[in-house]
């Protein structure tokens, strides 16, 4: 294409074979800067996380491709653009599919740090446990592998174990601002221990109760439960201990065996289901996301849940400690769609509130039958402004929850 120069009326030509790759490099650099900013500044981003580094690498690749193209090294520039662009397209594509509930995302993560040890460690009974001494500023574990409660309780006071899944571990809040932290501030005369672990159900709580409360000399065990049990609704091969689906997922959910690299394609090759089947000590759980969702209440699951509650109470009775139950609080405002957000593979979002209400009622019934204290609290006591997602509190929700349950825990655990 020829143009005339307005200065001297001479003709010159644009070399599109240089300009187009240079423009592509510029676009790639802009995309990389956007991802680096997302990784660095979005909520719950870990310092020096894979997404932040990935964005920086894409930015560098784009700028290098642009510079090489303008220098005449067009083939090298095109090779860089094709490789980096394919990796970016694959990562963004899997991220979109993941948000739609169809597949896992292989875009580099922003919630882990490349400088840290892994937050969870393999355990032969529980599959995964918090790594003792882990500290990335947001999540801090004590030397025994519990999420650390920041205010110091009374060392001579009654020892109260707070037991549950991620909503007890309190994924949405940083160290010092979890609801166990708030509860400890409200009842300083006790010594609280956070036994919450992301993903744990009553199946894991039975193991915790039987083997790991006695060494901590726990006087009173408080169970905030339900979410991780009801995720097993309608699993076709439901195991009595959730061993054929729920438990198998921990080593991947907790990122124990997975690779958190700075390339989408490398993440896929290292973490793909087929690769895990061939190389892992534990098979991945079945993928039910493409199956038709169930309806109503899974009575098989309800029977298991009732049995697990009775087992927990019986173990505590035998070991001489009190048992307290708290029903599961979830953010019903975000559970209204016909899709599936992922953790419940065979339940539509809009059906989760009714199932959760039912299992909360089951918990209340069983607590009354066993003579165990049940803390009356409802998901409808909370609103969307109390959560960071579908079930984890923000700082406001954590404080509200702690204030609500504190009087009942004082009474149930025999505090002065």
Protein backbone atom coordinates (compact mmCIF):
# COMPACT_ATOMS: atom_id res chain seq x y z
CA UNK A 1 0.00 0.00 0.00
CA UNK A 2 1.50 3.34 -1.08
CA UNK A 3 1.00 6.72 0.64
CA UNK A 4 2.38 10.18 -0.12
CA UNK A 5 4.37 12.03 2.47
CA UNK A 6 2.79 15.45 3.07
CA UNK A 7 6.23 16.99 3.63
CA UNK A 8 7.93 16.21 0.33
CA UNK A 9 5.20 14.58 -1.73
CA UNK A 10 7.26 11.39 -1.99
CA UNK A 11 5.80 7.92 -1.82
CA UNK A 12 6.57 5.34 0.86
CA UNK A 13 5.10 1.96 1.78
CA UNK A 14 3.80 0.29 4.98
CA UNK A 15 5.38 -3.09 5.63
CA UNK A 16 2.40 -4.97 6.97
CA UNK A 17 4.50 -8.11 7.43
CA UNK A 18 6.21 -6.21 10.26
CA UNK A 19 3.37 -4.06 11.50
CA UNK A 20 0.76 -6.81 12.00
CA UNK A 21 2.97 -9.06 14.18
CA UNK A 22 4.04 -5.95 16.09
CA UNK A 23 0.39 -5.08 16.71
CA UNK A 24 -0.27 -8.65 17.81
CA UNK A 25 2.61 -8.38 20.23
CA UNK A 26 1.15 -5.18 21.61
CA UNK A 27 -2.25 -6.81 22.15
CA UNK A 28 -0.60 -9.80 23.85
CA UNK A 29 1.33 -7.42 26.12
CA UNK A 30 -1.89 -5.61 27.06
CA UNK A 31 -3.60 -8.93 27.85
CA UNK A 32 -0.60 -9.92 29.96
CA UNK A 33 -0.71 -6.66 31.91
CA UNK A 34 -4.42 -7.14 32.56
CA UNK A 35 -3.84 -10.68 33.90
CA UNK A 36 -0.89 -9.52 36.01
CA UNK A 37 -3.05 -6.78 37.52
CA UNK A 38 -5.86 -9.27 38.17
CA UNK A 39 -3.44 -11.62 39.86
CA UNK A 40 -1.81 -8.88 41.91
CA UNK A 41 -4.74 -6.75 43.07
CA UNK A 42 -7.94 -8.80 43.08
CA UNK A 43 -9.38 -10.03 46.41
CA UNK A 44 -7.73 -13.10 47.99
CA UNK A 45 -4.70 -12.89 45.70
CA UNK A 46 -1.61 -14.46 47.19
CA UNK A 47 1.71 -12.62 46.88
CA UNK A 48 3.81 -13.73 43.91
CA UNK A 49 1.04 -15.99 42.63
CA UNK A 50 1.17 -17.97 39.34
CA UNK A 51 -1.37 -15.72 37.58
CA UNK A 52 0.64 -12.61 38.38
CA UNK A 53 3.82 -14.18 37.01
CA UNK A 54 1.93 -15.57 34.00
CA UNK A 55 0.69 -12.09 33.15
CA UNK A 56 4.22 -10.69 33.42
CA UNK A 57 5.56 -13.43 31.13
CA UNK A 58 2.85 -12.76 28.54
CA UNK A 59 3.64 -9.06 28.69
CA UNK A 60 7.32 -9.75 28.11
CA UNK A 61 6.52 -12.16 25.28
CA UNK A 62 4.29 -9.59 23.59
CA UNK A 63 6.87 -6.83 23.84
CA UNK A 64 9.61 -9.14 22.59
CA UNK A 65 7.48 -10.25 19.63
CA UNK A 66 6.78 -6.63 18.72
CA UNK A 67 10.45 -5.69 18.94
CA UNK A 68 11.58 -8.71 16.90
CA UNK A 69 8.96 -8.05 14.25
CA UNK A 70 10.04 -4.43 13.78
CA UNK A 71 13.67 -5.60 13.63
CA UNK A 72 12.88 -7.91 10.74
CA UNK A 73 12.84 -11.19 12.67
CA UNK A 74 9.25 -11.86 11.72
CA UNK A 75 9.32 -15.66 11.91
CA UNK A 76 10.68 -15.62 15.42
CA UNK A 77 8.08 -13.02 16.39
CA UNK A 78 5.27 -15.10 14.89
CA UNK A 79 6.47 -18.23 16.70
CA UNK A 80 6.37 -16.39 20.04
CA UNK A 81 2.90 -15.01 19.28
CA UNK A 82 1.51 -18.40 18.28
CA UNK A 83 2.87 -20.21 21.36
CA UNK A 84 1.91 -17.52 23.86
CA UNK A 85 -1.42 -16.81 22.18
CA UNK A 86 -2.38 -20.49 22.14
CA UNK A 87 -1.54 -20.83 25.83
CA UNK A 88 -3.57 -17.71 26.67
CA UNK A 89 -6.54 -18.80 24.55
CA UNK A 90 -6.53 -22.25 26.15
CA UNK A 91 -6.35 -20.83 29.67
CA UNK A 92 -9.13 -18.28 29.12
CA UNK A 93 -11.27 -20.88 27.34
CA UNK A 94 -11.05 -23.36 30.22
CA UNK A 95 -11.74 -20.53 32.66
CA UNK A 96 -14.99 -19.69 30.84
CA UNK A 97 -16.01 -23.37 30.77
CA UNK A 98 -15.21 -23.66 34.47
CA UNK A 99 -17.38 -20.66 35.33
CA UNK A 100 -20.18 -22.29 33.33
CA UNK A 101 -19.74 -25.49 35.37
CA UNK A 102 -18.47 -27.73 32.57
CA UNK A 103 -14.74 -28.22 33.02
CA UNK A 104 -11.78 -27.36 35.24
CA UNK A 105 -9.91 -24.14 34.62
CA UNK A 106 -6.21 -24.49 33.81
CA UNK A 107 -5.50 -20.76 33.88
CA UNK A 108 -2.72 -20.17 36.43
CA UNK A 109 -4.07 -19.56 39.93
CA UNK A 110 -4.04 -16.36 41.96
CA UNK A 111 -4.85 -17.82 45.39
CA UNK A 112 -1.53 -19.63 45.96
CA UNK A 113 2.00 -18.29 46.15
CA UNK A 114 4.97 -19.69 44.25
CA UNK A 115 7.11 -18.91 47.31
CA UNK A 116 5.02 -20.95 49.73
CA UNK A 117 4.97 -24.58 50.68
CA UNK A 118 1.62 -26.21 49.95
CA UNK A 119 -1.15 -25.19 52.35
CA UNK A 120 -2.32 -28.80 52.78
CA UNK A 121 -0.43 -32.06 53.21
CA UNK A 122 -1.40 -35.62 52.31
CA UNK A 123 -2.83 -37.72 55.15
CA UNK A 124 -3.57 -41.47 54.76
CA UNK A 125 -6.89 -41.32 56.66
CA UNK A 126 -8.18 -37.84 55.95
CA UNK A 127 -6.56 -37.44 52.49
CA UNK A 128 -5.48 -33.90 53.32
CA UNK A 129 -4.72 -31.85 56.46
CA UNK A 130 -3.52 -28.26 56.97
CA UNK A 131 0.26 -28.01 56.79
CA UNK A 132 1.65 -27.17 60.27
CA UNK A 133 3.28 -23.75 60.46
CA UNK A 134 1.98 -22.57 57.07
CA UNK A 135 1.85 -18.77 56.83
CA UNK A 136 1.21 -16.71 53.71
CA UNK A 137 -0.14 -13.70 55.57
CA UNK A 138 -3.77 -14.52 54.78
CA UNK A 139 -3.89 -18.11 56.03
CA UNK A 140 -1.84 -18.99 59.10
CA UNK A 141 -1.64 -22.46 60.67
CA UNK A 142 -0.29 -23.20 64.11
CA UNK A 143 2.36 -25.82 64.78
CA UNK A 144 -0.24 -28.60 65.09
CA UNK A 145 -1.92 -27.95 61.75
CA UNK A 146 -4.95 -25.92 62.89
CA UNK A 147 -5.89 -22.58 61.39
CA UNK A 148 -4.44 -20.24 63.99
CA UNK A 149 -6.86 -18.27 66.16
CA UNK A 150 -5.17 -14.93 66.61
CA UNK A 151 -6.39 -13.65 70.02
CA UNK A 152 -4.97 -15.69 72.86
CA UNK A 153 -7.57 -17.54 74.90
CA UNK A 154 -7.20 -18.48 78.55
CA UNK A 155 -4.63 -21.30 78.71
CA UNK A 156 -6.35 -22.56 81.85
CA UNK A 157 -9.85 -22.26 80.41
CA UNK A 158 -12.01 -24.95 78.89
CA UNK A 159 -10.76 -26.15 75.52
CA UNK A 160 -13.38 -25.91 72.80
CA UNK A 161 -12.89 -27.49 69.37
CA UNK A 162 -14.63 -25.80 66.43
CA UNK A 163 -15.15 -28.53 63.83
CA UNK A 164 -16.37 -28.21 60.24
CA UNK A 165 -15.35 -27.63 56.65
CA UNK A 166 -14.20 -24.53 54.81
CA UNK A 167 -16.84 -22.37 56.47
CA UNK A 168 -15.25 -23.19 59.86
CA UNK A 169 -11.71 -22.85 58.52
CA UNK A 170 -13.29 -19.62 57.17
CA UNK A 171 -11.82 -19.35 53.70
CA UNK A 172 -13.18 -15.87 53.03
CA UNK A 173 -11.39 -14.03 55.83
CA UNK A 174 -7.72 -13.33 56.59
CA UNK A 175 -5.92 -14.27 59.77
CA UNK A 176 -7.37 -12.45 62.76
CA UNK A 177 -10.76 -11.77 61.14
CA UNK A 178 -12.36 -15.23 60.96
CA UNK A 179 -15.46 -16.05 62.98
CA UNK A 180 -13.41 -18.32 65.31
CA UNK A 181 -11.19 -15.26 65.95
CA UNK A 182 -14.27 -13.15 66.70
CA UNK A 183 -15.71 -15.88 68.93
CA UNK A 184 -12.47 -16.10 70.89
CA UNK A 185 -12.60 -12.35 71.51
CA UNK A 186 -16.19 -12.66 72.78
CA UNK A 187 -15.43 -15.59 75.11
CA UNK A 188 -11.82 -14.99 76.25
CA UNK A 189 -12.28 -17.29 79.25
CA UNK A 190 -12.19 -20.31 76.89
CA UNK A 191 -9.39 -21.67 74.71
CA UNK A 192 -10.68 -22.24 71.17
CA UNK A 193 -9.09 -24.55 68.60
CA UNK A 194 -10.07 -24.34 64.92
CA UNK A 195 -10.37 -27.90 63.61
CA UNK A 196 -12.08 -26.71 60.41
CA UNK A 197 -10.63 -28.06 57.16
CA UNK A 198 -11.91 -27.18 53.67
CA UNK A 199 -13.99 -30.01 52.22
CA UNK A 200 -14.45 -32.00 55.41
CA UNK A 201 -17.82 -33.69 55.98
CA UNK A 202 -19.15 -35.72 58.92
CA UNK A 203 -17.19 -38.68 57.54
CA UNK A 204 -13.92 -36.86 58.24
CA UNK A 205 -15.31 -35.42 61.49
CA UNK A 206 -15.82 -38.95 62.82
CA UNK A 207 -12.09 -39.58 62.33
CA UNK A 208 -11.19 -36.23 63.89
CA UNK A 209 -13.48 -36.92 66.84
CA UNK A 210 -12.25 -40.46 67.42
CA UNK A 211 -8.51 -39.83 67.16
CA UNK A 212 -7.52 -36.16 67.25
CA UNK A 213 -9.58 -34.39 69.93
CA UNK A 214 -8.27 -36.37 72.91
CA UNK A 215 -4.60 -35.35 72.37
CA UNK A 216 -5.77 -31.71 72.45
CA UNK A 217 -7.66 -32.34 75.73
CA UNK A 218 -10.88 -30.96 74.23
CA UNK A 219 -13.71 -30.42 76.74
CA UNK A 220 -16.43 -29.37 74.29
CA UNK A 221 -16.75 -30.07 70.54
CA UNK A 222 -18.81 -27.66 68.40
CA UNK A 223 -19.79 -28.94 64.94
CA UNK A 224 -20.79 -26.47 62.21
CA UNK A 225 -21.81 -28.93 59.51
CA UNK A 226 -23.96 -29.81 56.51
CA UNK A 227 -22.52 -28.24 53.36
CA UNK A 228 -19.99 -30.94 52.55
CA UNK A 229 -22.36 -33.79 53.34
CA UNK A 230 -25.14 -32.60 51.07
CA UNK A 231 -22.74 -32.18 48.14
CA UNK A 232 -22.98 -35.99 47.91
CA UNK A 233 -26.68 -35.78 46.97
CA UNK A 234 -27.63 -38.18 44.16
CA UNK A 235 -24.12 -39.61 43.67
CA UNK A 236 -25.08 -42.91 41.97
CA UNK A 237 -22.49 -45.08 43.73
CA UNK A 238 -22.79 -43.43 47.13
CA UNK A 239 -20.35 -45.05 49.55
CA UNK A 240 -21.32 -45.13 53.27
CA UNK A 241 -18.15 -43.17 54.07
CA UNK A 242 -18.29 -40.98 50.93
CA UNK A 243 -15.10 -42.77 49.88
CA UNK A 244 -15.84 -43.23 46.17
CA UNK A 245 -16.40 -39.55 45.35
CA UNK A 246 -16.10 -36.96 48.08
CA UNK A 247 -12.93 -38.23 49.76
CA UNK A 248 -11.21 -38.95 46.47
CA UNK A 249 -11.46 -35.30 45.54
CA UNK A 250 -9.46 -33.94 48.47
CA UNK A 251 -5.99 -34.45 47.04
CA UNK A 252 -6.98 -32.29 44.07
CA UNK A 253 -9.33 -29.87 45.83
CA UNK A 254 -6.60 -29.15 48.39
CA UNK A 255 -3.97 -28.93 45.61
CA UNK A 256 -1.89 -31.63 47.27
CA UNK A 257 -0.84 -33.44 44.10
CA UNK A 258 -1.71 -30.80 41.52
CA UNK A 259 0.76 -28.54 39.76
CA UNK A 260 0.16 -24.79 40.00
CA UNK A 261 2.42 -23.63 37.20
CA UNK A 262 2.65 -20.43 35.17
CA UNK A 263 1.41 -21.91 31.89
CA UNK A 264 -2.14 -22.99 31.06
CA UNK A 265 -1.05 -25.83 28.80
CA UNK A 266 1.54 -27.10 31.29
CA UNK A 267 -1.13 -27.05 34.01
CA UNK A 268 -3.40 -29.11 31.77
CA UNK A 269 -0.73 -31.66 30.93
CA UNK A 270 0.24 -32.06 34.59
CA UNK A 271 -3.28 -32.09 36.05
CA UNK A 272 -5.50 -33.58 33.36
CA UNK A 273 -7.74 -36.44 34.50
CA UNK A 274 -6.07 -38.97 32.20
CA UNK A 275 -2.62 -38.02 33.46
CA UNK A 276 -3.77 -38.34 37.08
CA UNK A 277 -5.21 -41.78 36.36
CA UNK A 278 -1.90 -42.97 34.96
CA UNK A 279 0.49 -41.37 37.45
CA UNK A 280 -1.28 -40.85 40.78
CA UNK A 281 -1.43 -42.98 43.93
CA UNK A 282 -5.17 -42.18 44.18
CA UNK A 283 -7.62 -42.09 41.26
CA UNK A 284 -9.59 -38.91 40.63
CA UNK A 285 -13.30 -38.96 41.50
CA UNK A 286 -15.86 -39.49 38.77
CA UNK A 287 -16.88 -36.37 36.86
CA UNK A 288 -20.66 -35.97 37.14
CA UNK A 289 -20.95 -32.43 35.79
CA UNK A 290 -22.44 -33.62 32.52
CA UNK A 291 -25.08 -35.75 34.26
CA UNK A 292 -28.69 -34.77 34.75
CA UNK A 293 -29.23 -33.20 38.20
CA UNK A 294 -31.35 -34.94 40.81
CA UNK A 295 -34.52 -33.67 42.46
CA UNK A 296 -35.86 -33.69 46.00
CA UNK A 297 -33.99 -35.27 48.91
CA UNK A 298 -31.53 -38.15 48.61
CA UNK A 299 -32.82 -40.50 51.31
CA UNK A 300 -29.71 -42.70 51.12
CA UNK A 301 -27.60 -39.66 51.99
CA UNK A 302 -29.97 -38.63 54.77
CA UNK A 303 -29.63 -42.05 56.40
CA UNK A 304 -25.83 -41.80 56.29
CA UNK A 305 -25.92 -38.28 57.71
CA UNK A 306 -28.16 -39.34 60.63
CA UNK A 307 -25.87 -42.30 61.38
CA UNK A 308 -22.77 -40.08 61.29
CA UNK A 309 -24.30 -37.60 63.73
CA UNK A 310 -25.09 -40.40 66.16
CA UNK A 311 -21.58 -41.80 65.80
CA UNK A 312 -20.01 -38.43 66.55
CA UNK A 313 -22.14 -37.99 69.66
CA UNK A 314 -21.40 -41.54 70.84
CA UNK A 315 -17.63 -41.06 70.50
CA UNK A 316 -17.77 -37.79 72.43
CA UNK A 317 -19.86 -39.43 75.13
CA UNK A 318 -17.37 -42.25 75.44
CA UNK A 319 -14.44 -39.81 75.63
CA UNK A 320 -16.20 -37.54 78.13
CA UNK A 321 -16.72 -34.35 76.16
CA UNK A 322 -19.80 -32.29 75.31
CA UNK A 323 -21.21 -32.12 71.79
CA UNK A 324 -22.82 -29.02 70.25
CA UNK A 325 -24.34 -28.73 66.76
CA UNK A 326 -24.74 -25.63 64.56
CA UNK A 327 -26.79 -25.81 61.32
CA UNK A 328 -25.19 -24.81 58.03
CA UNK A 329 -25.54 -21.19 56.89
CA UNK A 330 -25.42 -20.58 53.14
CA UNK A 331 -25.96 -17.54 50.94
CA UNK A 332 -29.35 -18.29 49.44
CA UNK A 333 -29.33 -15.00 47.51
CA UNK A 334 -26.74 -16.48 45.13
CA UNK A 335 -28.36 -19.89 44.84
CA UNK A 336 -31.26 -19.15 42.52
CA UNK A 337 -30.12 -20.26 39.07
CA UNK A 338 -30.72 -23.42 37.07
CA UNK A 339 -26.97 -24.00 36.69
CA UNK A 340 -24.49 -25.64 39.04
CA UNK A 341 -21.67 -23.66 40.62
CA UNK A 342 -19.48 -26.76 40.85
CA UNK A 343 -19.21 -28.09 44.40
CA UNK A 344 -22.60 -29.83 44.11
CA UNK A 345 -22.16 -31.91 40.94
CA UNK A 346 -25.73 -33.23 40.76
CA UNK A 347 -27.77 -30.43 42.34
CA UNK A 348 -28.94 -27.25 40.65
CA UNK A 349 -28.15 -24.06 42.54
CA UNK A 350 -31.81 -23.19 43.05
CA UNK A 351 -32.44 -26.59 44.70
CA UNK A 352 -29.63 -26.26 47.27
CA UNK A 353 -31.55 -24.08 49.79
CA UNK A 354 -34.37 -26.62 50.16
CA UNK A 355 -31.88 -29.48 50.60
CA UNK A 356 -29.85 -27.46 53.11
CA UNK A 357 -33.01 -26.57 55.06
CA UNK A 358 -33.97 -30.24 55.15
CA UNK A 359 -30.60 -31.41 56.44
CA UNK A 360 -30.55 -28.58 59.01
CA UNK A 361 -33.92 -29.90 60.21
CA UNK A 362 -32.45 -33.41 60.35
CA UNK A 363 -29.57 -32.08 62.44
CA UNK A 364 -32.05 -30.44 64.84
CA UNK A 365 -34.08 -33.66 65.11
CA UNK A 366 -31.05 -35.80 65.81
CA UNK A 367 -29.65 -33.31 68.33
CA UNK A 368 -32.97 -33.36 70.22
CA UNK A 369 -33.10 -37.16 70.13
CA UNK A 370 -29.55 -37.42 71.52
CA UNK A 371 -29.93 -34.61 74.03
CA UNK A 372 -27.20 -32.51 72.38
CA UNK A 373 -27.41 -28.71 72.32
CA UNK A 374 -28.52 -27.31 68.95
CA UNK A 375 -27.87 -23.63 68.27
CA UNK A 376 -30.91 -22.08 66.61
CA UNK A 377 -29.71 -20.02 63.67
CA UNK A 378 -31.03 -19.82 60.12
CA UNK A 379 -29.55 -18.94 56.72
CA UNK A 380 -32.34 -16.37 56.50
CA UNK A 381 -30.76 -14.48 59.38
CA UNK A 382 -28.04 -13.48 56.89
CA UNK A 383 -28.00 -11.69 53.52
CA UNK A 384 -25.71 -11.42 50.52
CA UNK A 385 -23.75 -8.62 52.17
CA UNK A 386 -22.51 -11.09 54.80
CA UNK A 387 -20.71 -13.39 52.34
CA UNK A 388 -17.85 -13.45 49.86
CA UNK A 389 -19.53 -16.21 47.81
CA UNK A 390 -22.26 -18.85 48.20
CA UNK A 391 -21.36 -19.81 51.76
CA UNK A 392 -18.18 -18.26 53.17
CA UNK A 393 -18.55 -15.20 55.39
CA UNK A 394 -16.86 -11.87 54.87
CA UNK A 395 -15.62 -9.97 57.93
CA UNK A 396 -19.08 -8.55 58.66
CA UNK A 397 -20.78 -11.94 58.36
CA UNK A 398 -18.10 -13.62 60.50
CA UNK A 399 -18.58 -11.16 63.35
CA UNK A 400 -22.38 -11.43 63.08
CA UNK A 401 -22.22 -15.23 63.17
CA UNK A 402 -19.85 -15.25 66.16
CA UNK A 403 -22.05 -12.86 68.14
CA UNK A 404 -25.11 -14.98 67.41
CA UNK A 405 -23.66 -18.31 68.53
CA UNK A 406 -21.53 -17.10 71.46
CA UNK A 407 -24.23 -17.11 74.19
CA UNK A 408 -25.37 -20.63 73.29
CA UNK A 409 -21.78 -21.93 73.23
CA UNK A 410 -21.14 -20.37 76.61
CA UNK A 411 -24.12 -22.19 78.04
CA UNK A 412 -23.63 -25.49 76.21
CA UNK A 413 -19.92 -25.74 77.07
CA UNK A 414 -20.41 -24.73 80.71
CA UNK A 415 -18.50 -21.45 80.62
CA UNK A 416 -18.90 -18.94 83.41
